[in-house]
Amino acid sequence: MAEGAQPGLREVVLVAAAAVAVILGAAIATGFLPEAVQRLIFHAPLTIIVLLAGTAFVLWRVARRRPPEA
């Protein structure tokens, strides 16, 4: 993208569709797991740990980004 350009509707819809597809795929894949593993995923703090790690990674990447040189 050009410097300072905003993403358009097409890009936003593509990212949203990809996010929905990933979540739907994970939900379907979880249904094929053994019951003990499903119990671990749904009743343990595994999801919270994954969300915290993902958020920390994104914030780390944003914090390391250098401002554009003028």
N, C-alpha and C. Protein backbone atom coordinates (compact mmCIF):
# COMPACT_ATOMS: atom_id res chain seq x y z
N MET A 1 0.83 -1.18 0.00
CA MET A 1 0.00 0.00 0.00
C MET A 1 0.87 1.24 0.00
N ALA A 2 0.34 2.29 -0.53
CA ALA A 2 1.06 3.55 -0.54
C ALA A 2 1.14 4.09 0.88
N GLU A 3 2.15 4.89 1.11
CA GLU A 3 2.36 5.43 2.45
C GLU A 3 1.17 6.30 2.86
N GLY A 4 0.59 6.01 4.01
CA GLY A 4 -0.53 6.77 4.52
C GLY A 4 -1.87 6.36 3.95
N ALA A 5 -1.91 5.36 3.09
CA ALA A 5 -3.17 4.93 2.50
C ALA A 5 -3.98 4.12 3.50
N GLN A 6 -5.29 4.29 3.45
CA GLN A 6 -6.19 3.54 4.32
C GLN A 6 -6.67 2.29 3.58
N PRO A 7 -6.85 1.19 4.30
CA PRO A 7 -7.40 0.00 3.63
C PRO A 7 -8.84 0.28 3.19
N GLY A 8 -9.20 -0.28 2.06
CA GLY A 8 -10.54 -0.09 1.53
C GLY A 8 -11.50 -1.16 2.03
N LEU A 9 -12.72 -1.05 1.57
CA LEU A 9 -13.75 -2.00 1.98
C LEU A 9 -13.37 -3.42 1.59
N ARG A 10 -12.78 -3.59 0.43
CA ARG A 10 -12.39 -4.93 -0.04
C ARG A 10 -11.40 -5.59 0.92
N GLU A 11 -10.38 -4.85 1.34
CA GLU A 11 -9.39 -5.41 2.25
C GLU A 11 -10.01 -5.74 3.61
N VAL A 12 -10.88 -4.88 4.10
CA VAL A 12 -11.52 -5.12 5.39
C VAL A 12 -12.39 -6.37 5.34
N VAL A 13 -13.15 -6.53 4.25
CA VAL A 13 -14.02 -7.70 4.10
C VAL A 13 -13.17 -8.97 3.98
N LEU A 14 -12.06 -8.90 3.27
CA LEU A 14 -11.19 -10.08 3.13
C LEU A 14 -10.60 -10.50 4.48
N VAL A 15 -10.15 -9.54 5.27
CA VAL A 15 -9.59 -9.87 6.59
C VAL A 15 -10.67 -10.43 7.50
N ALA A 16 -11.86 -9.83 7.46
CA ALA A 16 -12.97 -10.32 8.29
C ALA A 16 -13.36 -11.73 7.88
N ALA A 17 -13.44 -12.00 6.58
CA ALA A 17 -13.79 -13.33 6.09
C ALA A 17 -12.73 -14.36 6.50
N ALA A 18 -11.47 -13.96 6.44
CA ALA A 18 -10.40 -14.87 6.85
C ALA A 18 -10.49 -15.18 8.34
N ALA A 19 -10.80 -14.17 9.16
CA ALA A 19 -10.94 -14.39 10.60
C ALA A 19 -12.10 -15.34 10.89
N VAL A 20 -13.22 -15.14 10.21
CA VAL A 20 -14.37 -16.01 10.41
C VAL A 20 -14.04 -17.43 9.98
N ALA A 21 -13.34 -17.58 8.85
CA ALA A 21 -12.98 -18.91 8.36
C ALA A 21 -12.06 -19.64 9.34
N VAL A 22 -11.11 -18.93 9.91
CA VAL A 22 -10.18 -19.55 10.87
C VAL A 22 -10.94 -20.00 12.11
N ILE A 23 -11.81 -19.15 12.63
CA ILE A 23 -12.56 -19.50 13.83
C ILE A 23 -13.52 -20.65 13.56
N LEU A 24 -14.20 -20.62 12.42
CA LEU A 24 -15.10 -21.71 12.07
C LEU A 24 -14.33 -23.02 11.89
N GLY A 25 -13.18 -22.95 11.24
CA GLY A 25 -12.35 -24.14 11.07
C GLY A 25 -11.88 -24.70 12.41
N ALA A 26 -11.50 -23.82 13.33
CA ALA A 26 -11.08 -24.28 14.66
C ALA A 26 -12.24 -24.94 15.40
N ALA A 27 -13.44 -24.37 15.27
CA ALA A 27 -14.60 -24.96 15.94
C ALA A 27 -14.93 -26.33 15.37
N ILE A 28 -14.84 -26.47 14.07
CA ILE A 28 -15.11 -27.77 13.43
C ILE A 28 -14.03 -28.78 13.82
N ALA A 29 -12.78 -28.35 13.79
CA ALA A 29 -11.68 -29.26 14.14
C ALA A 29 -11.78 -29.72 15.60
N THR A 30 -12.22 -28.83 16.48
CA THR A 30 -12.37 -29.20 17.88
C THR A 30 -13.42 -30.29 18.06
N GLY A 31 -14.42 -30.30 17.22
CA GLY A 31 -15.47 -31.32 17.30
C GLY A 31 -14.95 -32.72 17.02
N PHE A 32 -13.85 -32.84 16.30
CA PHE A 32 -13.29 -34.15 15.97
C PHE A 32 -12.30 -34.66 17.02
N LEU A 33 -11.96 -33.81 17.99
CA LEU A 33 -11.01 -34.21 19.02
C LEU A 33 -11.66 -35.14 20.03
N PRO A 34 -10.87 -35.97 20.71
CA PRO A 34 -11.44 -36.82 21.76
C PRO A 34 -12.06 -35.96 22.87
N GLU A 35 -13.00 -36.54 23.59
CA GLU A 35 -13.74 -35.80 24.61
C GLU A 35 -12.83 -35.24 25.70
N ALA A 36 -11.79 -35.96 26.06
CA ALA A 36 -10.86 -35.48 27.10
C ALA A 36 -10.14 -34.22 26.64
N VAL A 37 -9.75 -34.17 25.38
CA VAL A 37 -9.06 -32.99 24.85
C VAL A 37 -10.04 -31.82 24.74
N GLN A 38 -11.27 -32.09 24.32
CA GLN A 38 -12.29 -31.04 24.27
C GLN A 38 -12.51 -30.45 25.66
N ARG A 39 -12.57 -31.30 26.67
CA ARG A 39 -12.77 -30.83 28.04
C ARG A 39 -11.61 -29.92 28.45
N LEU A 40 -10.38 -30.30 28.07
CA LEU A 40 -9.21 -29.49 28.39
C LEU A 40 -9.31 -28.12 27.73
N ILE A 41 -9.72 -28.10 26.47
CA ILE A 41 -9.80 -26.83 25.74
C ILE A 41 -10.89 -25.93 26.30
N PHE A 42 -12.06 -26.50 26.61
CA PHE A 42 -13.20 -25.69 27.01
C PHE A 42 -13.23 -25.36 28.50
N HIS A 43 -12.61 -26.18 29.34
CA HIS A 43 -12.72 -25.97 30.78
C HIS A 43 -11.41 -25.56 31.45
N ALA A 44 -10.34 -25.51 30.72
CA ALA A 44 -9.06 -25.05 31.26
C ALA A 44 -8.82 -23.63 30.75
N PRO A 45 -7.93 -22.91 31.37
CA PRO A 45 -7.67 -21.54 30.92
C PRO A 45 -6.81 -21.48 29.65
N LEU A 46 -6.86 -22.51 28.82
CA LEU A 46 -6.05 -22.57 27.61
C LEU A 46 -6.37 -21.43 26.66
N THR A 47 -7.65 -21.15 26.45
CA THR A 47 -8.05 -20.09 25.54
C THR A 47 -7.56 -18.74 26.03
N ILE A 48 -7.65 -18.51 27.32
CA ILE A 48 -7.18 -17.24 27.88
C ILE A 48 -5.68 -17.09 27.68
N ILE A 49 -4.94 -18.17 27.87
CA ILE A 49 -3.49 -18.12 27.68
C ILE A 49 -3.14 -17.81 26.23
N VAL A 50 -3.84 -18.43 25.29
CA VAL A 50 -3.59 -18.17 23.87
C VAL A 50 -3.92 -16.72 23.53
N LEU A 51 -5.04 -16.20 24.03
CA LEU A 51 -5.40 -14.81 23.76
C LEU A 51 -4.39 -13.84 24.38
N LEU A 52 -3.93 -14.11 25.59
CA LEU A 52 -2.93 -13.25 26.21
C LEU A 52 -1.62 -13.26 25.42
N ALA A 53 -1.19 -14.44 25.00
CA ALA A 53 0.06 -14.54 24.23
C ALA A 53 -0.07 -13.82 22.89
N GLY A 54 -1.19 -13.99 22.22
CA GLY A 54 -1.41 -13.30 20.95
C GLY A 54 -1.44 -11.80 21.11
N THR A 55 -2.12 -11.32 22.15
CA THR A 55 -2.17 -9.88 22.40
C THR A 55 -0.80 -9.33 22.72
N ALA A 56 -0.04 -10.04 23.54
CA ALA A 56 1.31 -9.60 23.88
C ALA A 56 2.19 -9.53 22.64
N PHE A 57 2.05 -10.51 21.74
CA PHE A 57 2.84 -10.51 20.50
C PHE A 57 2.50 -9.31 19.63
N VAL A 58 1.21 -9.02 19.47
CA VAL A 58 0.79 -7.89 18.63
C VAL A 58 1.28 -6.58 19.25
N LEU A 59 1.13 -6.42 20.55
CA LEU A 59 1.60 -5.19 21.20
C LEU A 59 3.11 -5.05 21.09
N TRP A 60 3.84 -6.14 21.20
CA TRP A 60 5.29 -6.10 21.05
C TRP A 60 5.68 -5.65 19.64
N ARG A 61 4.97 -6.18 18.63
CA ARG A 61 5.26 -5.80 17.24
C ARG A 61 4.97 -4.32 17.01
N VAL A 62 3.86 -3.83 17.56
CA VAL A 62 3.51 -2.42 17.39
C VAL A 62 4.53 -1.54 18.11
N ALA A 63 4.96 -1.94 19.28
CA ALA A 63 5.91 -1.15 20.04
C ALA A 63 7.27 -1.09 19.36
N ARG A 64 7.64 -2.10 18.63
CA ARG A 64 8.95 -2.14 17.97
C ARG A 64 8.96 -1.42 16.63
N ARG A 65 7.79 -1.09 16.11
CA ARG A 65 7.71 -0.41 14.81
C ARG A 65 8.29 0.98 14.92
N ARG A 66 9.14 1.32 13.97
CA ARG A 66 9.76 2.65 13.97
C ARG A 66 8.87 3.61 13.20
N PRO A 67 8.82 4.87 13.65
CA PRO A 67 8.03 5.84 12.90
C PRO A 67 8.69 6.12 11.55
N PRO A 68 7.89 6.47 10.54
CA PRO A 68 8.47 6.74 9.23
C PRO A 68 9.38 7.97 9.28
N GLU A 69 10.46 7.89 8.54
CA GLU A 69 11.38 9.02 8.50
C GLU A 69 10.82 10.10 7.59
N ALA A 70 10.92 11.32 8.05
CA ALA A 70 10.35 12.44 7.27
C ALA A 70 11.34 13.02 6.31
